[in-house]
């Protein structure tokens, strides 16, 4: 499993960062766009209304 960081930017100017474990970036994006509800690494259930999202960015976290 790889670790990903997703940053959501909302229409009100706020942003939210969540962390995910997944096999690929495609899996993370699919999970976001299908469910609008996911579990972050912190094990909290987070609901994101995609109608309020301007954009989101998915990046893989690199570890040395």
C-alpha atoms as a PDB file:
ATOM      1  CA  UNK A   1       0.000   0.000   0.000  1.00  0.00           C
ATOM      2  CA  UNK A   2       1.156   3.505  -0.827  1.00  0.00           C
ATOM      3  CA  UNK A   3       0.405   6.635   1.179  1.00  0.00           C
ATOM      4  CA  UNK A   4      -1.270   9.604  -0.477  1.00  0.00           C
ATOM      5  CA  UNK A   5      -2.073  13.128   0.625  1.00  0.00           C
ATOM      6  CA  UNK A   6      -5.180  14.827  -0.798  1.00  0.00           C
ATOM      7  CA  UNK A   7      -5.731  18.570  -0.468  1.00  0.00           C
ATOM      8  CA  UNK A   8      -9.250  19.865  -1.144  1.00  0.00           C
ATOM      9  CA  UNK A   9      -9.854  23.550  -1.908  1.00  0.00           C
ATOM     10  CA  UNK A  10     -13.406  24.769  -1.304  1.00  0.00           C
ATOM     11  CA  UNK A  11     -15.397  27.626  -2.851  1.00  0.00           C
ATOM     12  CA  UNK A  12     -15.277  29.526   0.461  1.00  0.00           C
ATOM     13  CA  UNK A  13     -11.450  29.652   0.286  1.00  0.00           C
ATOM     14  CA  UNK A  14     -10.815  27.034   2.976  1.00  0.00           C
ATOM     15  CA  UNK A  15      -8.842  23.857   2.416  1.00  0.00           C
ATOM     16  CA  UNK A  16      -8.684  20.424   4.033  1.00  0.00           C
ATOM     17  CA  UNK A  17      -5.908  17.853   3.904  1.00  0.00           C
ATOM     18  CA  UNK A  18      -6.567  14.132   4.253  1.00  0.00           C
ATOM     19  CA  UNK A  19      -4.238  11.147   4.121  1.00  0.00           C
ATOM     20  CA  UNK A  20      -5.065   7.826   2.491  1.00  0.00           C
ATOM     21  CA  UNK A  21      -3.520   4.430   1.983  1.00  0.00           C
ATOM     22  CA  UNK A  22      -4.247   2.907  -1.420  1.00  0.00           C
ATOM     23  CA  UNK A  23      -2.692   0.848  -4.193  1.00  0.00           C
ATOM     24  CA  UNK A  24      -2.629   3.718  -6.722  1.00  0.00           C
ATOM     25  CA  UNK A  25      -3.498   7.374  -7.260  1.00  0.00           C
ATOM     26  CA  UNK A  26      -6.305   6.214  -9.564  1.00  0.00           C
ATOM     27  CA  UNK A  27      -7.867   4.258  -6.688  1.00  0.00           C
ATOM     28  CA  UNK A  28      -7.837   7.361  -4.467  1.00  0.00           C
ATOM     29  CA  UNK A  29      -9.486   9.530  -7.141  1.00  0.00           C
ATOM     30  CA  UNK A  30     -12.087   6.860  -7.878  1.00  0.00           C
ATOM     31  CA  UNK A  31     -12.903   6.549  -4.184  1.00  0.00           C
ATOM     32  CA  UNK A  32     -13.351  10.317  -3.831  1.00  0.00           C
ATOM     33  CA  UNK A  33     -15.558  10.773  -6.888  1.00  0.00           C
ATOM     34  CA  UNK A  34     -17.755   7.710  -6.270  1.00  0.00           C
ATOM     35  CA  UNK A  35     -18.430   7.857  -2.542  1.00  0.00           C
ATOM     36  CA  UNK A  36     -17.830  11.450  -1.323  1.00  0.00           C
ATOM     37  CA  UNK A  37     -17.048   9.761   1.966  1.00  0.00           C
ATOM     38  CA  UNK A  38     -13.828   8.127   3.033  1.00  0.00           C
ATOM     39  CA  UNK A  39     -11.694   7.130   5.969  1.00  0.00           C
ATOM     40  CA  UNK A  40      -8.396   8.919   6.417  1.00  0.00           C
ATOM     41  CA  UNK A  41      -5.285   7.508   8.079  1.00  0.00           C
ATOM     42  CA  UNK A  42      -6.467   9.052  11.334  1.00  0.00           C
ATOM     43  CA  UNK A  43      -9.473   6.672  11.164  1.00  0.00           C
ATOM     44  CA  UNK A  44     -11.981   9.528  11.176  1.00  0.00           C
ATOM     45  CA  UNK A  45     -14.980   9.368   8.867  1.00  0.00           C
ATOM     46  CA  UNK A  46     -14.961  12.487   6.703  1.00  0.00           C
ATOM     47  CA  UNK A  47     -17.746  13.638   4.382  1.00  0.00           C
ATOM     48  CA  UNK A  48     -16.833  15.981   1.540  1.00  0.00           C
ATOM     49  CA  UNK A  49     -19.571  17.611  -0.550  1.00  0.00           C
ATOM     50  CA  UNK A  50     -17.985  17.730  -4.008  1.00  0.00           C
ATOM     51  CA  UNK A  51     -20.373  20.542  -5.021  1.00  0.00           C
ATOM     52  CA  UNK A  52     -18.364  22.828  -2.711  1.00  0.00           C
ATOM     53  CA  UNK A  53     -14.934  21.705  -3.975  1.00  0.00           C
ATOM     54  CA  UNK A  54     -13.117  23.941  -6.452  1.00  0.00           C
ATOM     55  CA  UNK A  55     -10.267  21.484  -6.944  1.00  0.00           C
ATOM     56  CA  UNK A  56      -8.368  18.715  -5.235  1.00  0.00           C
ATOM     57  CA  UNK A  57      -4.789  17.519  -5.597  1.00  0.00           C
ATOM     58  CA  UNK A  58      -3.504  13.998  -4.924  1.00  0.00           C
ATOM     59  CA  UNK A  59       0.184  13.486  -4.189  1.00  0.00           C
ATOM     60  CA  UNK A  60       2.089  10.382  -3.166  1.00  0.00           C
ATOM     61  CA  UNK A  61       4.019  10.732   0.071  1.00  0.00           C
ATOM     62  CA  UNK A  62       7.654   9.725  -0.371  1.00  0.00           C
ATOM     63  CA  UNK A  63       9.658   8.169   2.421  1.00  0.00           C
ATOM     64  CA  UNK A  64      13.449   7.760   2.495  1.00  0.00           C
END
